[in-house]
Amino acid sequence: MIHQSGLRSKSTWWPKLCLALILLASVSLTAGCGSSPVKYVKNLFGIGSNDPMPMGDISVDLASRAQERMEAGDYKEAAKLWQQLRDQYPYSNLALLADLKLGDALYNDRKYIEAFAAYKTFNERHPDSDAIPYSLYQQGMCYYSQMMGVDRDQTPSVVAIQYLANLVETYPDSKYATMARARITEAQNNLAGHEFYVGEFYYKRKDYRAAINRFVGIITYYPDSGYHQRAYNYIAEYRDLLARGEIKDEGNQRPSEFNSPFTIQDVQSPI
C-alpha cells in the first residue's frame, strides 16, 4: 500500500502505469527528459510523483491497438487509430499522446505535410510539454525529408533550416538541438550544391557575371561546404581569362550585396 496518501494500492494502479509506459516508450526515447521513465510519464500527464495514473475515461484498448500498428509498420492504420483516440477522447490524458503519435504515424507514412500539421497542432495544444523540442525537430524533419538533388527546387531545404534553427535557438541545450545542427549543415550543403550547379551552368554558357555571383555567394554564405574550393577555382579561372584578354570585363563584378534567391530570409514557409 502507498503510505499516508489515501491512494489505491500498487496492484490497482501499477498495471495501468506499466501500460502507459509501454505506449509511451517511443516518445520517452525520442521526446525525452533527463529523469526516469516513470517521472517522465507522470510529468507528461501532469500528476504528482505519488499519485496513481488517472486513466478515467481513456480508451486504453484504442491506444494499445494504435501502438501495435505503429510497431508493425502499419502507419496508415495507426494514424487512423490515433486520430480516432484524439477525436473521441479529446480531454483524456492519452489525448496528448495521440496528438504527438499521430504526427509520428503520418511522418513514417511519408505524409510530410499532414505530419507537419499534426506536430503544429501538438505544439499549440501542449506548449508546456516535455516533448516540444522533439515535436519542433520533427517539424523541421518534415521538410528535410522532402529535400531533393542540387538540380531541383531548394524550398524544402530552406524551410527545413528555418524550423530547425528555431529549435536550436529556443532549446539550445536539448539533444534535439544537437541533432538539428547536423541536419542544418546538411541542408546548407544542399543549398551550396544548388548554387554551384547554377553557377557552373551559367559559366559554361559564358554568362560570367551570373556565374561569378553564384560562386562568390558560395564563398560568402557557405564557406564550410564541399563546394568552397571549387567555387574559388572558377573565380581564379575567370580572373585568368580576364588577365589574358580572352574575355572582356563587362561589369562582371560582384554586386555590393549578393542576394541569392535561396537565402533563408527570402523564402516563406508554404504552411
Protein backbone atom coordinates (compact mmCIF):
# COMPACT_ATOMS: atom_id res chain seq x y z
CA MET A 1 0.00 0.00 0.00
CA ILE A 2 1.07 3.60 -0.54
CA HIS A 3 1.53 5.20 2.86
CA GLN A 4 -0.22 8.31 4.21
CA SER A 5 -1.82 9.35 0.93
CA GLY A 6 -5.21 7.71 0.85
CA LEU A 7 -4.37 6.33 -2.59
CA ARG A 8 -5.15 2.94 -4.03
CA SER A 9 -2.77 0.02 -3.67
CA LYS A 10 0.05 -0.51 -6.13
CA SER A 11 -1.73 -3.56 -7.50
CA THR A 12 -4.58 -1.27 -8.61
CA TRP A 13 -2.69 1.42 -10.49
CA TRP A 14 0.70 -0.16 -11.35
CA PRO A 15 -0.54 -2.28 -14.31
CA LYS A 16 -2.08 0.84 -15.84
CA LEU A 17 1.14 2.78 -15.34
CA CYS A 18 3.10 -0.03 -16.96
CA LEU A 19 0.76 0.01 -19.94
CA ALA A 20 1.16 3.76 -20.26
CA LEU A 21 4.93 3.33 -20.15
CA ILE A 22 4.77 0.77 -22.93
CA LEU A 23 2.61 3.05 -25.04
CA LEU A 24 4.98 5.94 -24.43
CA ALA A 25 8.21 4.01 -24.96
CA SER A 26 9.00 5.60 -28.30
CA VAL A 27 8.12 9.06 -27.03
CA SER A 28 10.26 8.76 -23.92
CA LEU A 29 13.21 7.68 -26.04
CA THR A 30 12.86 10.48 -28.57
CA ALA A 31 10.99 13.28 -26.84
CA GLY A 32 12.79 12.59 -23.60
CA CYS A 33 13.83 14.29 -20.49
CA GLY A 34 16.62 13.83 -18.00
CA SER A 35 14.56 11.83 -15.49
CA SER A 36 13.30 8.29 -15.08
CA PRO A 37 10.58 6.92 -17.39
CA VAL A 38 8.05 6.88 -14.52
CA LYS A 39 8.73 10.50 -13.65
CA TYR A 40 8.59 11.44 -17.33
CA VAL A 41 5.18 9.83 -17.79
CA LYS A 42 3.84 11.47 -14.65
CA ASN A 43 5.17 14.85 -15.76
CA LEU A 44 3.64 14.29 -19.18
CA PHE A 45 0.25 13.66 -17.60
CA GLY A 46 0.63 16.46 -15.06
CA ILE A 47 0.28 14.36 -11.91
CA GLY A 48 2.27 14.21 -8.69
CA SER A 49 5.07 11.77 -8.03
CA ASN A 50 2.99 9.75 -5.55
CA ASP A 51 -0.29 9.91 -7.43
CA PRO A 52 -1.74 6.96 -9.36
CA MET A 53 -2.17 7.17 -13.11
CA PRO A 54 -5.71 8.56 -13.56
CA MET A 55 -6.94 6.53 -16.53
CA GLY A 56 -10.56 7.62 -16.14
CA ASP A 57 -12.38 7.62 -19.46
CA ILE A 58 -9.26 6.85 -21.55
CA SER A 59 -9.70 4.15 -24.17
CA VAL A 60 -6.64 2.08 -23.35
CA ASP A 61 -7.67 -0.55 -25.88
CA LEU A 62 -7.72 2.02 -28.68
CA ALA A 63 -4.29 3.35 -27.69
CA SER A 64 -2.92 -0.18 -27.48
CA ARG A 65 -4.16 -1.02 -30.95
CA ALA A 66 -2.69 2.18 -32.36
CA GLN A 67 0.70 1.42 -30.80
CA GLU A 68 0.60 -2.15 -32.09
CA ARG A 69 0.01 -0.86 -35.62
CA MET A 70 2.94 1.55 -35.20
CA GLU A 71 5.27 -1.24 -34.13
CA ALA A 72 4.05 -3.39 -37.03
CA GLY A 73 4.86 -0.63 -39.51
CA ASP A 74 1.21 -0.15 -40.48
CA TYR A 75 1.42 3.61 -40.16
CA LYS A 76 -1.70 4.34 -42.18
CA GLU A 77 -3.90 2.32 -39.82
CA ALA A 78 -2.01 3.66 -36.80
CA ALA A 79 -2.74 7.23 -37.91
CA LYS A 80 -6.43 6.42 -38.16
CA LEU A 81 -6.46 4.98 -34.65
CA TRP A 82 -4.51 7.86 -33.11
CA GLN A 83 -6.89 10.27 -34.84
CA GLN A 84 -9.86 8.31 -33.50
CA LEU A 85 -8.46 8.42 -29.98
CA ARG A 86 -7.86 12.14 -30.26
CA ASP A 87 -11.36 12.79 -31.58
CA GLN A 88 -13.25 10.53 -29.19
CA TYR A 89 -11.28 11.37 -26.04
CA PRO A 90 -10.13 14.99 -26.53
CA TYR A 91 -9.93 15.67 -22.78
CA SER A 92 -8.33 12.42 -21.68
CA ASN A 93 -4.76 12.02 -20.53
CA LEU A 94 -3.93 9.97 -23.60
CA ALA A 95 -5.09 12.78 -25.90
CA LEU A 96 -1.64 14.34 -25.52
CA LEU A 97 -0.03 11.10 -26.60
CA ALA A 98 -2.43 10.77 -29.52
CA ASP A 99 -1.64 14.29 -30.71
CA LEU A 100 2.07 13.51 -30.86
CA LYS A 101 1.87 9.95 -32.13
CA LEU A 102 -0.47 11.00 -34.93
CA GLY A 103 2.36 13.16 -36.25
CA ASP A 104 4.79 10.25 -35.95
CA ALA A 105 2.47 7.88 -37.80
CA LEU A 106 1.94 10.34 -40.64
CA TYR A 107 5.66 11.13 -40.82
CA ASN A 108 6.61 7.46 -41.02
CA ASP A 109 3.97 7.06 -43.73
CA ARG A 110 5.80 9.83 -45.65
CA LYS A 111 2.80 12.15 -45.48
CA TYR A 112 5.03 15.03 -44.52
CA ILE A 113 2.63 17.94 -44.96
CA GLU A 114 -0.03 16.22 -42.87
CA ALA A 115 2.59 15.26 -40.29
CA PHE A 116 3.81 18.84 -40.07
CA ALA A 117 0.25 19.98 -39.38
CA ALA A 118 -0.14 17.33 -36.65
CA TYR A 119 3.07 18.42 -34.91
CA LYS A 120 1.97 22.03 -35.17
CA THR A 121 -1.33 21.12 -33.50
CA PHE A 122 0.57 19.32 -30.75
CA ASN A 123 2.72 22.40 -30.10
CA GLU A 124 -0.35 24.62 -29.91
CA ARG A 125 -2.30 22.30 -27.60
CA HIS A 126 0.56 21.32 -25.30
CA PRO A 127 3.03 24.25 -25.20
CA ASP A 128 4.46 23.17 -21.84
CA SER A 129 5.05 19.52 -22.74
CA ASP A 130 8.49 17.99 -22.37
CA ALA A 131 8.03 16.67 -25.91
CA ILE A 132 8.01 20.12 -27.53
CA PRO A 133 11.71 20.00 -28.61
CA TYR A 134 11.07 16.65 -30.27
CA SER A 135 7.95 17.98 -32.00
CA LEU A 136 9.83 21.04 -33.26
CA TYR A 137 12.60 18.81 -34.54
CA GLN A 138 10.07 16.67 -36.37
CA GLN A 139 8.56 19.76 -37.98
CA GLY A 140 11.93 20.55 -39.47
CA MET A 141 12.39 16.94 -40.50
CA CYS A 142 9.10 17.03 -42.41
CA TYR A 143 10.84 19.41 -44.82
CA TYR A 144 14.29 17.90 -44.53
CA SER A 145 12.79 14.61 -45.71
CA GLN A 146 11.48 16.35 -48.84
CA MET A 147 14.87 17.73 -49.88
CA MET A 148 15.87 16.88 -53.43
CA GLY A 149 19.03 16.94 -55.52
CA VAL A 150 21.06 20.05 -56.15
CA ASP A 151 19.47 20.43 -59.58
CA ARG A 152 15.96 20.71 -58.12
CA ASP A 153 13.92 23.28 -56.22
CA GLN A 154 15.52 24.01 -52.85
CA THR A 155 12.49 25.32 -50.96
CA PRO A 156 12.34 22.22 -48.70
CA SER A 157 15.99 22.72 -47.76
CA VAL A 158 15.39 26.34 -46.84
CA VAL A 159 12.24 25.71 -44.82
CA ALA A 160 13.91 22.81 -43.00
CA ILE A 161 16.68 25.18 -41.95
CA GLN A 162 14.13 27.72 -40.71
CA TYR A 163 12.37 25.31 -38.38
CA LEU A 164 15.49 23.51 -37.20
CA ALA A 165 17.19 26.84 -36.48
CA ASN A 166 14.16 27.86 -34.43
CA LEU A 167 14.60 24.71 -32.34
CA VAL A 168 18.29 25.43 -31.81
CA GLU A 169 17.55 28.98 -30.75
CA THR A 170 14.67 28.09 -28.43
CA TYR A 171 16.08 24.91 -26.86
CA PRO A 172 19.86 25.16 -27.35
CA ASP A 173 20.66 22.54 -24.69
CA SER A 174 18.22 19.91 -25.96
CA LYS A 175 19.64 16.77 -27.54
CA TYR A 176 17.36 17.59 -30.47
CA ALA A 177 19.21 20.88 -30.92
CA THR A 178 22.39 18.87 -31.43
CA MET A 179 20.65 16.70 -33.98
CA ALA A 180 19.14 19.79 -35.63
CA ARG A 181 22.55 21.41 -36.07
CA ALA A 182 23.74 18.40 -38.05
CA ARG A 183 20.65 18.50 -40.26
CA ILE A 184 21.09 22.24 -40.80
CA THR A 185 24.64 21.65 -42.02
CA GLU A 186 23.40 19.01 -44.46
CA ALA A 187 20.65 21.30 -45.74
CA GLN A 188 23.11 24.17 -46.16
CA ASN A 189 25.42 21.89 -48.13
CA ASN A 190 22.48 21.09 -50.37
CA LEU A 191 21.90 24.80 -50.93
CA ALA A 192 25.58 25.30 -51.69
CA GLY A 193 25.44 22.45 -54.18
CA HIS A 194 22.50 24.09 -55.90
CA GLU A 195 24.28 27.42 -56.08
CA PHE A 196 27.33 25.72 -57.57
CA TYR A 197 25.18 23.79 -60.05
CA VAL A 198 23.55 27.01 -61.25
CA GLY A 199 26.86 28.90 -61.30
CA GLU A 200 28.52 26.20 -63.37
CA PHE A 201 25.57 26.21 -65.76
CA TYR A 202 25.96 29.95 -66.34
CA TYR A 203 29.73 29.69 -66.61
CA LYS A 204 29.53 27.11 -69.38
CA ARG A 205 27.12 29.42 -71.23
CA LYS A 206 29.74 32.17 -70.79
CA ASP A 207 27.31 34.21 -68.73
CA TYR A 208 30.17 35.07 -66.44
CA ARG A 209 28.51 37.72 -64.32
CA ALA A 210 25.71 35.40 -63.24
CA ALA A 211 28.19 32.58 -62.67
CA ILE A 212 30.67 34.56 -60.60
CA ASN A 213 27.90 35.99 -58.43
CA ARG A 214 26.87 32.43 -57.58
CA PHE A 215 30.42 31.35 -56.82
CA VAL A 216 31.05 34.38 -54.63
CA GLY A 217 27.78 33.61 -52.88
CA ILE A 218 29.01 30.13 -52.01
CA ILE A 219 32.21 31.53 -50.50
CA THR A 220 30.25 34.17 -48.59
CA TYR A 221 27.33 32.16 -47.28
CA TYR A 222 28.53 28.54 -47.33
CA PRO A 223 32.28 28.71 -46.58
CA ASP A 224 32.37 25.27 -44.95
CA SER A 225 30.63 23.40 -47.74
CA GLY A 226 32.37 20.97 -50.05
CA TYR A 227 31.89 23.43 -52.92
CA HIS A 228 34.02 26.20 -51.45
CA GLN A 229 37.31 25.36 -53.21
CA ARG A 230 35.58 24.50 -56.48
CA ALA A 231 33.95 27.93 -56.47
CA TYR A 232 37.37 29.53 -55.88
CA ASN A 233 38.76 27.58 -58.83
CA TYR A 234 36.15 29.00 -61.19
CA ILE A 235 36.75 32.52 -59.88
CA ALA A 236 40.50 32.10 -60.43
CA GLU A 237 39.93 30.78 -63.94
CA TYR A 238 37.66 33.73 -64.70
CA ARG A 239 40.29 36.20 -63.48
CA ASP A 240 42.93 34.46 -65.58
CA LEU A 241 40.76 34.80 -68.69
CA LEU A 242 40.39 38.50 -67.94
CA ALA A 243 44.13 38.93 -67.40
CA ARG A 244 44.97 37.26 -70.71
CA GLY A 245 42.38 39.36 -72.50
CA GLU A 246 40.39 36.37 -73.70
CA ILE A 247 37.20 37.90 -72.35
CA LYS A 248 36.23 41.46 -71.61
CA ASP A 249 35.26 42.78 -68.25
CA GLU A 250 31.76 43.96 -68.99
CA GLY A 251 30.71 44.67 -65.47
CA ASN A 252 31.16 41.09 -64.36
CA GLN A 253 31.83 42.16 -60.81
CA ARG A 254 30.30 41.17 -57.54
CA PRO A 255 27.38 43.47 -56.69
CA SER A 256 27.53 45.45 -53.47
CA GLU A 257 25.40 42.77 -51.83
CA PHE A 258 25.00 39.20 -53.02
CA ASN A 259 21.31 38.28 -52.95
CA SER A 260 20.79 34.61 -53.57
CA PRO A 261 17.18 33.61 -54.26
CA PHE A 262 17.82 30.72 -51.88
CA THR A 263 18.91 32.57 -48.76
CA ILE A 264 16.80 31.76 -45.72
CA GLN A 265 15.14 35.12 -45.22
CA ASP A 266 13.84 35.25 -48.81
CA VAL A 267 11.76 32.08 -48.67
CA GLN A 268 8.47 31.87 -46.80
CA SER A 269 7.08 28.64 -45.39
CA PRO A 270 4.18 27.32 -47.51
CA ILE A 271 2.32 26.42 -44.31
